[in-house]
Amino acid sequence: MNAKQLIQATETLLLTQAHKTLPEATAAELHNALSAAAMEALAPVWAEKEAERFPKRRSASRSARPSICPWSIWWAG
């Protein structure tokens, strides 16, 4: 996505969400629409790169050793 496409996507989001054009939008509305358009453009690439970097990612709870409570050792005697 180039800058022109990003601006078009931003304007589309502004029209659908705030019902305003680029010149009519406030700074906050413009910020929200621009950041949403950028994230929509980056999301597929981000997900693809994430899968390449971590192909066999596991949760920490499965790989971590279970914690042992000192009281359980004392009670077991």
N, C-alpha and C. Protein backbone atom coordinates (compact mmCIF):
# COMPACT_ATOMS: atom_id res chain seq x y z
N MET A 1 0.86 -1.17 0.00
CA MET A 1 0.00 0.00 0.00
C MET A 1 0.90 1.23 0.00
N ASN A 2 0.62 2.14 -0.91
CA ASN A 2 1.39 3.38 -0.94
C ASN A 2 0.61 4.48 -0.22
N ALA A 3 1.19 5.68 -0.17
CA ALA A 3 0.58 6.78 0.58
C ALA A 3 -0.77 7.19 0.01
N LYS A 4 -0.89 7.17 -1.31
CA LYS A 4 -2.16 7.56 -1.93
C LYS A 4 -3.28 6.58 -1.55
N GLN A 5 -2.97 5.31 -1.56
CA GLN A 5 -3.96 4.30 -1.17
C GLN A 5 -4.31 4.41 0.32
N LEU A 6 -3.33 4.74 1.14
CA LEU A 6 -3.58 4.91 2.57
C LEU A 6 -4.51 6.10 2.82
N ILE A 7 -4.31 7.18 2.09
CA ILE A 7 -5.18 8.36 2.23
C ILE A 7 -6.59 8.03 1.75
N GLN A 8 -6.71 7.27 0.67
CA GLN A 8 -8.03 6.87 0.18
C GLN A 8 -8.74 5.98 1.20
N ALA A 9 -8.01 5.05 1.78
CA ALA A 9 -8.61 4.18 2.80
C ALA A 9 -9.01 4.98 4.02
N THR A 10 -8.20 5.96 4.39
CA THR A 10 -8.53 6.84 5.53
C THR A 10 -9.81 7.61 5.25
N GLU A 11 -9.92 8.15 4.04
CA GLU A 11 -11.12 8.92 3.69
C GLU A 11 -12.35 8.02 3.66
N THR A 12 -12.20 6.81 3.18
CA THR A 12 -13.31 5.86 3.17
C THR A 12 -13.79 5.57 4.58
N LEU A 13 -12.84 5.33 5.49
CA LEU A 13 -13.21 5.08 6.88
C LEU A 13 -13.88 6.30 7.52
N LEU A 14 -13.37 7.49 7.21
CA LEU A 14 -13.99 8.71 7.75
C LEU A 14 -15.43 8.85 7.26
N LEU A 15 -15.65 8.57 5.98
CA LEU A 15 -17.00 8.69 5.43
C LEU A 15 -17.95 7.67 6.04
N THR A 16 -17.47 6.46 6.28
CA THR A 16 -18.36 5.42 6.81
C THR A 16 -18.57 5.53 8.32
N GLN A 17 -17.55 5.98 9.04
CA GLN A 17 -17.66 6.02 10.50
C GLN A 17 -18.10 7.38 11.04
N ALA A 18 -17.50 8.46 10.54
CA ALA A 18 -17.80 9.79 11.08
C ALA A 18 -18.70 10.61 10.14
N HIS A 19 -18.94 10.09 8.94
CA HIS A 19 -19.76 10.78 7.94
C HIS A 19 -19.19 12.16 7.61
N LYS A 20 -17.84 12.21 7.48
CA LYS A 20 -17.15 13.44 7.17
C LYS A 20 -16.08 13.19 6.11
N THR A 21 -15.73 14.24 5.37
CA THR A 21 -14.63 14.15 4.43
C THR A 21 -13.34 14.54 5.15
N LEU A 22 -12.20 14.40 4.48
CA LEU A 22 -10.92 14.73 5.10
C LEU A 22 -10.86 16.18 5.61
N PRO A 23 -11.26 17.18 4.82
CA PRO A 23 -11.18 18.56 5.33
C PRO A 23 -12.12 18.85 6.50
N GLU A 24 -13.22 18.11 6.61
CA GLU A 24 -14.20 18.34 7.67
C GLU A 24 -13.83 17.65 8.98
N ALA A 25 -12.97 16.67 8.94
CA ALA A 25 -12.67 15.84 10.11
C ALA A 25 -11.84 16.59 11.14
N THR A 26 -12.09 16.27 12.40
CA THR A 26 -11.28 16.82 13.48
C THR A 26 -9.97 16.04 13.55
N ALA A 27 -9.05 16.53 14.35
CA ALA A 27 -7.76 15.85 14.49
C ALA A 27 -7.93 14.45 15.06
N ALA A 28 -8.81 14.29 16.03
CA ALA A 28 -9.04 12.98 16.64
C ALA A 28 -9.67 12.00 15.64
N GLU A 29 -10.65 12.48 14.88
CA GLU A 29 -11.29 11.62 13.88
C GLU A 29 -10.30 11.21 12.80
N LEU A 30 -9.46 12.16 12.38
CA LEU A 30 -8.45 11.86 11.37
C LEU A 30 -7.43 10.86 11.91
N HIS A 31 -7.02 11.05 13.14
CA HIS A 31 -6.07 10.12 13.77
C HIS A 31 -6.66 8.71 13.83
N ASN A 32 -7.90 8.58 14.28
CA ASN A 32 -8.53 7.27 14.39
C ASN A 32 -8.67 6.58 13.04
N ALA A 33 -9.11 7.33 12.04
CA ALA A 33 -9.29 6.74 10.71
C ALA A 33 -7.95 6.36 10.08
N LEU A 34 -6.95 7.21 10.23
CA LEU A 34 -5.64 6.93 9.66
C LEU A 34 -4.99 5.72 10.33
N SER A 35 -5.08 5.64 11.64
CA SER A 35 -4.48 4.50 12.34
C SER A 35 -5.23 3.21 12.01
N ALA A 36 -6.54 3.27 11.87
CA ALA A 36 -7.31 2.07 11.51
C ALA A 36 -6.96 1.62 10.09
N ALA A 37 -6.83 2.56 9.17
CA ALA A 37 -6.47 2.22 7.80
C ALA A 37 -5.07 1.61 7.73
N ALA A 38 -4.14 2.17 8.49
CA ALA A 38 -2.78 1.63 8.51
C ALA A 38 -2.75 0.23 9.09
N MET A 39 -3.50 0.00 10.18
CA MET A 39 -3.52 -1.34 10.78
C MET A 39 -4.18 -2.36 9.86
N GLU A 40 -5.21 -1.95 9.13
CA GLU A 40 -5.83 -2.87 8.17
C GLU A 40 -4.85 -3.25 7.07
N ALA A 41 -4.00 -2.32 6.69
CA ALA A 41 -3.00 -2.61 5.65
C ALA A 41 -1.88 -3.49 6.19
N LEU A 42 -1.50 -3.30 7.44
CA LEU A 42 -0.38 -4.04 8.02
C LEU A 42 -0.76 -5.40 8.57
N ALA A 43 -1.99 -5.61 8.93
CA ALA A 43 -2.40 -6.83 9.62
C ALA A 43 -2.05 -8.11 8.85
N PRO A 44 -2.35 -8.22 7.55
CA PRO A 44 -1.99 -9.47 6.86
C PRO A 44 -0.49 -9.73 6.82
N VAL A 45 0.30 -8.70 6.58
CA VAL A 45 1.76 -8.84 6.55
C VAL A 45 2.28 -9.20 7.93
N TRP A 46 1.74 -8.57 8.96
CA TRP A 46 2.16 -8.84 10.33
C TRP A 46 1.89 -10.30 10.70
N ALA A 47 0.71 -10.78 10.36
CA ALA A 47 0.36 -12.17 10.69
C ALA A 47 1.26 -13.15 9.94
N GLU A 48 1.56 -12.85 8.69
CA GLU A 48 2.42 -13.73 7.90
C GLU A 48 3.84 -13.77 8.48
N LYS A 49 4.38 -12.62 8.82
CA LYS A 49 5.73 -12.56 9.38
C LYS A 49 5.78 -13.22 10.76
N GLU A 50 4.72 -13.06 11.54
CA GLU A 50 4.65 -13.68 12.87
C GLU A 50 4.70 -15.21 12.74
N ALA A 51 3.99 -15.75 11.77
CA ALA A 51 3.99 -17.20 11.55
C ALA A 51 5.36 -17.68 11.09
N GLU A 52 6.06 -16.87 10.31
CA GLU A 52 7.40 -17.25 9.87
C GLU A 52 8.41 -17.21 11.01
N ARG A 53 8.28 -16.21 11.89
CA ARG A 53 9.23 -16.07 13.00
C ARG A 53 9.01 -17.11 14.07
N PHE A 54 7.77 -17.48 14.33
CA PHE A 54 7.45 -18.41 15.41
C PHE A 54 6.59 -19.56 14.87
N PRO A 55 7.17 -20.46 14.10
CA PRO A 55 6.35 -21.53 13.51
C PRO A 55 5.82 -22.53 14.52
N LYS A 56 6.55 -22.76 15.60
CA LYS A 56 6.12 -23.76 16.60
C LYS A 56 6.00 -23.10 17.95
N ARG A 57 5.27 -22.04 18.01
CA ARG A 57 5.12 -21.30 19.26
C ARG A 57 4.19 -22.06 20.21
N ARG A 58 4.60 -22.17 21.46
CA ARG A 58 3.79 -22.85 22.47
C ARG A 58 3.53 -21.90 23.62
N SER A 59 2.48 -22.18 24.32
CA SER A 59 2.17 -21.33 25.47
C SER A 59 3.14 -21.62 26.60
N ALA A 60 3.36 -20.65 27.43
CA ALA A 60 4.29 -20.79 28.54
C ALA A 60 3.79 -21.80 29.57
N SER A 61 2.48 -21.93 29.69
CA SER A 61 1.95 -22.84 30.71
C SER A 61 2.24 -24.29 30.39
N ARG A 62 2.38 -24.63 29.12
CA ARG A 62 2.67 -26.02 28.77
C ARG A 62 4.15 -26.34 28.89
N SER A 63 4.99 -25.35 28.63
CA SER A 63 6.42 -25.63 28.64
C SER A 63 7.05 -25.38 29.99
N ALA A 64 6.42 -24.61 30.83
CA ALA A 64 7.01 -24.28 32.13
C ALA A 64 6.84 -25.43 33.11
N ARG A 65 7.79 -25.57 33.99
CA ARG A 65 7.72 -26.58 35.03
C ARG A 65 6.70 -26.14 36.07
N PRO A 66 5.85 -27.02 36.52
CA PRO A 66 4.87 -26.60 37.52
C PRO A 66 5.57 -26.16 38.81
N SER A 67 5.04 -25.13 39.41
CA SER A 67 5.66 -24.64 40.64
C SER A 67 5.32 -25.60 41.79
N ILE A 68 6.26 -25.70 42.71
CA ILE A 68 6.09 -26.59 43.86
C ILE A 68 5.94 -25.71 45.10
N CYS A 69 4.87 -25.91 45.81
CA CYS A 69 4.62 -25.16 47.02
C CYS A 69 5.45 -25.76 48.16
N PRO A 70 6.21 -24.93 48.86
CA PRO A 70 7.02 -25.49 49.97
C PRO A 70 6.18 -26.17 51.03
N TRP A 71 4.94 -25.71 51.23
CA TRP A 71 4.08 -26.33 52.25
C TRP A 71 3.67 -27.73 51.84
N SER A 72 3.52 -27.99 50.55
CA SER A 72 3.13 -29.34 50.13
C SER A 72 4.24 -30.35 50.43
N ILE A 73 5.49 -29.91 50.34
CA ILE A 73 6.60 -30.79 50.67
C ILE A 73 6.60 -31.07 52.18
N TRP A 74 6.36 -30.02 52.97
CA TRP A 74 6.36 -30.16 54.42
C TRP A 74 5.23 -31.09 54.87
N TRP A 75 4.00 -30.92 54.25
CA TRP A 75 2.87 -31.76 54.63
C TRP A 75 3.09 -33.21 54.22
N ALA A 76 3.77 -33.42 53.10
CA ALA A 76 3.99 -34.79 52.64
C ALA A 76 4.96 -35.52 53.55
N GLY A 77 5.75 -34.76 54.30
CA GLY A 77 6.63 -35.32 55.32
C GLY A 77 7.72 -36.08 54.77
